[in-house]
PDB file of N, CA and C in Angstrom:
ATOM      1  N   MET A   1     108.018 157.312 143.961  1.00  0.00           N
ATOM      2  CA  MET A   1     108.721 157.533 143.895  1.00  0.00           C
ATOM      3  C   MET A   1     109.875 158.360 142.901  1.00  0.00           C
ATOM      4  N   PRO A   2     110.100 158.399 141.230  1.00  0.00           N
ATOM      5  CA  PRO A   2     110.938 158.582 140.497  1.00  0.00           C
ATOM      6  C   PRO A   2     112.407 159.135 141.575  1.00  0.00           C
ATOM      7  N   ARG A   3     113.198 158.814 141.153  1.00  0.00           N
ATOM      8  CA  ARG A   3     114.754 158.978 141.692  1.00  0.00           C
ATOM      9  C   ARG A   3     114.379 160.886 141.473  1.00  0.00           C
ATOM     10  N   ILE A   4     113.971 161.354 140.122  1.00  0.00           N
ATOM     11  CA  ILE A   4     114.462 162.858 140.230  1.00  0.00           C
ATOM     12  C   ILE A   4     113.546 162.905 141.387  1.00  0.00           C
ATOM     13  N   ASP A   5     112.751 162.577 141.371  1.00  0.00           N
ATOM     14  CA  ASP A   5     111.859 163.531 142.574  1.00  0.00           C
ATOM     15  C   ASP A   5     112.424 163.612 144.309  1.00  0.00           C
ATOM     16  N   MET A   6     112.550 162.344 144.183  1.00  0.00           N
ATOM     17  CA  MET A   6     113.384 162.307 145.272  1.00  0.00           C
ATOM     18  C   MET A   6     115.070 163.235 145.408  1.00  0.00           C
ATOM     19  N   ALA A   7     116.260 163.144 144.445  1.00  0.00           N
ATOM     20  CA  ALA A   7     116.864 163.805 144.352  1.00  0.00           C
ATOM     21  C   ALA A   7     116.278 165.758 144.981  1.00  0.00           C
ATOM     22  N   LEU A   8     115.333 165.964 144.500  1.00  0.00           N
ATOM     23  CA  LEU A   8     115.057 166.930 144.982  1.00  0.00           C
ATOM     24  C   LEU A   8     114.610 167.703 145.621  1.00  0.00           C
ATOM     25  N   ASP A   9     112.852 166.059 146.137  1.00  0.00           N
ATOM     26  CA  ASP A   9     113.295 166.209 147.920  1.00  0.00           C
ATOM     27  C   ASP A   9     114.438 166.544 148.653  1.00  0.00           C
ATOM     28  N   LYS A  10     115.012 165.732 148.355  1.00  0.00           N
ATOM     29  CA  LYS A  10     116.552 166.435 149.418  1.00  0.00           C
ATOM     30  C   LYS A  10     116.495 167.319 149.368  1.00  0.00           C
ATOM     31  N   TRP A  11     117.466 168.403 148.408  1.00  0.00           N
ATOM     32  CA  TRP A  11     117.893 168.548 148.029  1.00  0.00           C
ATOM     33  C   TRP A  11     116.450 169.907 148.638  1.00  0.00           C
ATOM     34  N   ILE A  12     115.270 170.878 148.302  1.00  0.00           N
ATOM     35  CA  ILE A  12     114.724 170.917 148.778  1.00  0.00           C
ATOM     36  C   ILE A  12     114.768 171.159 151.085  1.00  0.00           C
ATOM     37  N   GLU A  13     115.439 169.804 151.008  1.00  0.00           N
ATOM     38  CA  GLU A  13     115.394 169.469 152.147  1.00  0.00           C
ATOM     39  C   GLU A  13     116.423 170.783 153.203  1.00  0.00           C
ATOM     40  N   VAL A  14     116.952 169.868 151.884  1.00  0.00           N
ATOM     41  CA  VAL A  14     118.520 170.948 153.525  1.00  0.00           C
ATOM     42  C   VAL A  14     119.068 172.215 152.551  1.00  0.00           C
ATOM     43  N   ALA A  15     117.697 173.089 152.011  1.00  0.00           N
ATOM     44  CA  ALA A  15     117.265 173.953 151.442  1.00  0.00           C
ATOM     45  C   ALA A  15     117.253 175.214 152.427  1.00  0.00           C
ATOM     46  N   LYS A  16     115.727 174.232 152.889  1.00  0.00           N
ATOM     47  CA  LYS A  16     115.560 174.800 154.319  1.00  0.00           C
ATOM     48  C   LYS A  16     116.328 174.584 155.552  1.00  0.00           C
ATOM     49  N   ALA A  17     117.062 173.514 155.609  1.00  0.00           N
ATOM     50  CA  ALA A  17     117.442 173.601 157.283  1.00  0.00           C
ATOM     51  C   ALA A  17     118.847 174.106 157.061  1.00  0.00           C
ATOM     52  N   ARG A  18     118.395 175.008 155.777  1.00  0.00           N
ATOM     53  CA  ARG A  18     120.030 176.058 155.619  1.00  0.00           C
ATOM     54  C   ARG A  18     120.008 177.444 156.442  1.00  0.00           C
ATOM     55  N   GLU A  19     118.458 177.499 156.232  1.00  0.00           N
ATOM     56  CA  GLU A  19     117.867 179.060 155.509  1.00  0.00           C
ATOM     57  C   GLU A  19     118.397 179.745 157.019  1.00  0.00           C
ATOM     58  N   ALA A  20     117.482 178.551 158.189  1.00  0.00           N
ATOM     59  CA  ALA A  20     117.938 180.122 159.191  1.00  0.00           C
ATOM     60  C   ALA A  20     119.569 180.490 159.366  1.00  0.00           C
ATOM     61  N   GLU A  21     120.349 179.653 158.826  1.00  0.00           N
ATOM     62  CA  GLU A  21     122.701 179.922 159.004  1.00  0.00           C
ATOM     63  C   GLU A  21     122.313 180.553 157.615  1.00  0.00           C
ATOM     64  N   LEU A  22     121.799 180.590 157.145  1.00  0.00           N
ATOM     65  CA  LEU A  22     122.600 181.751 155.660  1.00  0.00           C
ATOM     66  C   LEU A  22     121.274 182.236 156.105  1.00  0.00           C
ATOM     67  N   LYS A  23     120.748 183.163 156.731  1.00  0.00           N
ATOM     68  CA  LYS A  23     119.745 184.546 156.719  1.00  0.00           C
ATOM     69  C   LYS A  23     120.437 184.755 158.101  1.00  0.00           C
ATOM     70  N   ASP A  24     121.069 184.078 159.333  1.00  0.00           N
ATOM     71  CA  ASP A  24     122.534 184.493 160.425  1.00  0.00           C
ATOM     72  C   ASP A  24     122.824 185.643 159.209  1.00  0.00           C
ATOM     73  N   ALA A  25     124.676 184.167 158.557  1.00  0.00           N
ATOM     74  CA  ALA A  25     125.855 184.230 157.877  1.00  0.00           C
ATOM     75  C   ALA A  25     125.100 186.333 157.143  1.00  0.00           C
ATOM     76  N   VAL A  26     124.200 186.147 156.512  1.00  0.00           N
ATOM     77  CA  VAL A  26     124.125 187.760 155.870  1.00  0.00           C
ATOM     78  C   VAL A  26     123.825 189.434 156.888  1.00  0.00           C
ATOM     79  N   ARG A  27     123.041 188.826 157.712  1.00  0.00           N
ATOM     80  CA  ARG A  27     122.282 189.571 158.807  1.00  0.00           C
ATOM     81  C   ARG A  27     124.025 189.805 159.514  1.00  0.00           C
ATOM     82  N   ARG A  28     124.774 189.084 159.360  1.00  0.00           N
ATOM     83  CA  ARG A  28     126.495 189.416 160.337  1.00  0.00           C
ATOM     84  C   ARG A  28     127.213 190.108 159.485  1.00  0.00           C
ATOM     85  N   PHE A  29     127.145 189.733 157.862  1.00  0.00           N
ATOM     86  CA  PHE A  29     128.832 189.659 156.859  1.00  0.00           C
ATOM     87  C   PHE A  29     127.885 191.941 157.138  1.00  0.00           C
ATOM     88  N   VAL A  30     126.535 191.906 156.642  1.00  0.00           N
ATOM     89  CA  VAL A  30     126.160 193.003 156.576  1.00  0.00           C
ATOM     90  C   VAL A  30     126.052 194.523 157.977  1.00  0.00           C
ATOM     91  N   LEU A  31     125.844 193.374 159.629  1.00  0.00           N
ATOM     92  CA  LEU A  31     126.538 194.191 160.065  1.00  0.00           C
ATOM     93  C   LEU A  31     127.562 194.847 160.308  1.00  0.00           C
ATOM     94  N   GLU A  32     128.879 194.123 159.976  1.00  0.00           N
ATOM     95  CA  GLU A  32     130.080 194.159 160.251  1.00  0.00           C
ATOM     96  C   GLU A  32     130.664 194.909 158.652  1.00  0.00           C
ATOM     97  N   HIS A  33     130.674 194.946 158.457  1.00  0.00           N
ATOM     98  CA  HIS A  33     130.447 195.163 156.869  1.00  0.00           C
ATOM     99  C   HIS A  33     130.371 196.439 156.063  1.00  0.00           C
ATOM    100  N   CYS A  34     129.182 196.831 156.233  1.00  0.00           N
ATOM    101  CA  CYS A  34     128.580 197.308 155.767  1.00  0.00           C
ATOM    102  C   CYS A  34     127.387 198.989 156.615  1.00  0.00           C
ATOM    103  N   THR A  35     127.998 200.172 155.810  1.00  0.00           N
ATOM    104  CA  THR A  35     127.139 200.783 156.085  1.00  0.00           C
ATOM    105  C   THR A  35     125.320 200.967 155.601  1.00  0.00           C
ATOM    106  N   ARG A  36     124.870 202.377 156.227  1.00  0.00           N
ATOM    107  CA  ARG A  36     124.021 203.031 156.045  1.00  0.00           C
ATOM    108  C   ARG A  36     123.622 202.481 154.939  1.00  0.00           C
ATOM    109  N   GLY A  37     122.478 202.409 154.387  1.00  0.00           N
ATOM    110  CA  GLY A  37     122.133 202.288 152.883  1.00  0.00           C
ATOM    111  C   GLY A  37     122.877 201.334 151.311  1.00  0.00           C
ATOM    112  N   ASP A  38     124.373 200.962 152.384  1.00  0.00           N
ATOM    113  CA  ASP A  38     124.796 200.007 151.301  1.00  0.00           C
ATOM    114  C   ASP A  38     124.428 198.700 150.847  1.00  0.00           C
ATOM    115  N   VAL A  39     123.719 198.843 150.949  1.00  0.00           N
ATOM    116  CA  VAL A  39     123.102 197.134 150.825  1.00  0.00           C
ATOM    117  C   VAL A  39     121.143 197.137 150.323  1.00  0.00           C
ATOM    118  N   VAL A  40     120.963 196.374 149.509  1.00  0.00           N
ATOM    119  CA  VAL A  40     119.878 196.591 149.173  1.00  0.00           C
ATOM    120  C   VAL A  40     119.352 195.503 148.109  1.00  0.00           C
ATOM    121  N   LEU A  41     118.442 194.775 148.872  1.00  0.00           N
ATOM    122  CA  LEU A  41     117.286 193.009 149.200  1.00  0.00           C
ATOM    123  C   LEU A  41     116.643 193.486 147.365  1.00  0.00           C
ATOM    124  N   LEU A  42     116.494 191.787 147.442  1.00  0.00           N
ATOM    125  CA  LEU A  42     115.585 192.334 145.812  1.00  0.00           C
ATOM    126  C   LEU A  42     115.129 191.103 146.056  1.00  0.00           C
ATOM    127  N   SER A  43     113.749 191.399 144.246  1.00  0.00           N
ATOM    128  CA  SER A  43     113.910 189.757 144.248  1.00  0.00           C
ATOM    129  C   SER A  43     112.424 189.535 146.099  1.00  0.00           C
ATOM    130  N   SER A  44     111.932 188.271 144.580  1.00  0.00           N
ATOM    131  CA  SER A  44     111.478 186.917 146.369  1.00  0.00           C
ATOM    132  C   SER A  44     111.553 188.195 147.594  1.00  0.00           C
ATOM    133  N   ARG A  45     112.855 187.481 148.018  1.00  0.00           N
ATOM    134  CA  ARG A  45     113.607 188.038 148.999  1.00  0.00           C
ATOM    135  C   ARG A  45     112.475 189.283 149.877  1.00  0.00           C
ATOM    136  N   THR A  46     112.092 190.552 148.765  1.00  0.00           N
ATOM    137  CA  THR A  46     111.662 191.593 149.158  1.00  0.00           C
ATOM    138  C   THR A  46     109.846 191.344 149.330  1.00  0.00           C
ATOM    139  N   ARG A  47     109.551 191.095 148.751  1.00  0.00           N
ATOM    140  CA  ARG A  47     108.296 190.911 147.616  1.00  0.00           C
ATOM    141  C   ARG A  47     107.761 189.594 149.585  1.00  0.00           C
ATOM    142  N   GLY A  48     108.336 188.616 149.948  1.00  0.00           N
ATOM    143  CA  GLY A  48     108.241 188.047 150.705  1.00  0.00           C
ATOM    144  C   GLY A  48     107.619 186.123 150.047  1.00  0.00           C
ATOM    145  N   ASP A  49     107.511 186.714 149.265  1.00  0.00           N
ATOM    146  CA  ASP A  49     106.851 185.118 148.260  1.00  0.00           C
ATOM    147  C   ASP A  49     107.853 184.276 147.926  1.00  0.00           C
ATOM    148  N   SER A  50     108.958 184.038 148.302  1.00  0.00           N
ATOM    149  CA  SER A  50     110.267 183.316 148.369  1.00  0.00           C
ATOM    150  C   SER A  50     110.060 181.657 148.938  1.00  0.00           C
ATOM    151  N   HIS A  51     111.372 180.642 148.132  1.00  0.00           N
ATOM    152  CA  HIS A  51     110.555 180.172 148.904  1.00  0.00           C
ATOM    153  C   HIS A  51     111.800 179.513 148.991  1.00  0.00           C
ATOM    154  N   ALA A  52     111.826 177.374 149.325  1.00  0.00           N
ATOM    155  CA  ALA A  52     113.289 177.697 149.601  1.00  0.00           C
ATOM    156  C   ALA A  52     114.705 177.202 149.215  1.00  0.00           C
ATOM    157  N   LEU A  53     114.475 177.525 147.614  1.00  0.00           N
ATOM    158  CA  LEU A  53     115.373 177.250 146.706  1.00  0.00           C
ATOM    159  C   LEU A  53     115.495 178.935 145.753  1.00  0.00           C
ATOM    160  N   SER A  54     115.309 179.769 146.203  1.00  0.00           N
ATOM    161  CA  SER A  54     115.207 181.092 146.397  1.00  0.00           C
ATOM    162  C   SER A  54     116.680 181.681 146.898  1.00  0.00           C
ATOM    163  N   ASP A  55     116.928 182.166 145.445  1.00  0.00           N
ATOM    164  CA  ASP A  55     118.173 182.534 145.719  1.00  0.00           C
ATOM    165  C   ASP A  55     118.623 183.932 146.700  1.00  0.00           C
ATOM    166  N   TRP A  56     119.822 185.040 147.047  1.00  0.00           N
ATOM    167  CA  TRP A  56     119.948 186.368 147.651  1.00  0.00           C
ATOM    168  C   TRP A  56     120.565 186.763 146.821  1.00  0.00           C
ATOM    169  N   ASP A  57     120.153 187.997 145.212  1.00  0.00           N
ATOM    170  CA  ASP A  57     119.853 188.745 145.252  1.00  0.00           C
ATOM    171  C   ASP A  57     120.262 190.136 145.997  1.00  0.00           C
ATOM    172  N   ILE A  58     121.903 190.081 146.621  1.00  0.00           N
ATOM    173  CA  ILE A  58     122.145 191.375 146.884  1.00  0.00           C
ATOM    174  C   ILE A  58     123.105 191.608 145.524  1.00  0.00           C
ATOM    175  N   PRO A  59     122.833 192.656 145.528  1.00  0.00           N
ATOM    176  CA  PRO A  59     123.771 193.348 144.819  1.00  0.00           C
ATOM    177  C   PRO A  59     125.162 194.483 145.146  1.00  0.00           C
ATOM    178  N   HIS A  60     126.713 194.284 144.940  1.00  0.00           N
ATOM    179  CA  HIS A  60     127.772 195.390 146.272  1.00  0.00           C
ATOM    180  C   HIS A  60     127.786 195.585 144.344  1.00  0.00           C
ATOM    181  N   ASN A  61     128.307 196.991 145.241  1.00  0.00           N
ATOM    182  CA  ASN A  61     129.785 197.868 144.820  1.00  0.00           C
ATOM    183  C   ASN A  61     131.701 197.208 143.940  1.00  0.00           C
TER     184      ASN A  61
END
């Protein structure tokens, strides 16, 4: 396996492991700091077709 593929595979592995932690952190932040209707989740996360390297598009004021 070429070196670049190994690095990408490792990055994806780490991203998958952190996904649950990130979801929990976003949930806690929203519950603590945002009132009803203040948060809109966009793109692949909303559609349900996100993957390990998908970002979180959360607009803010």
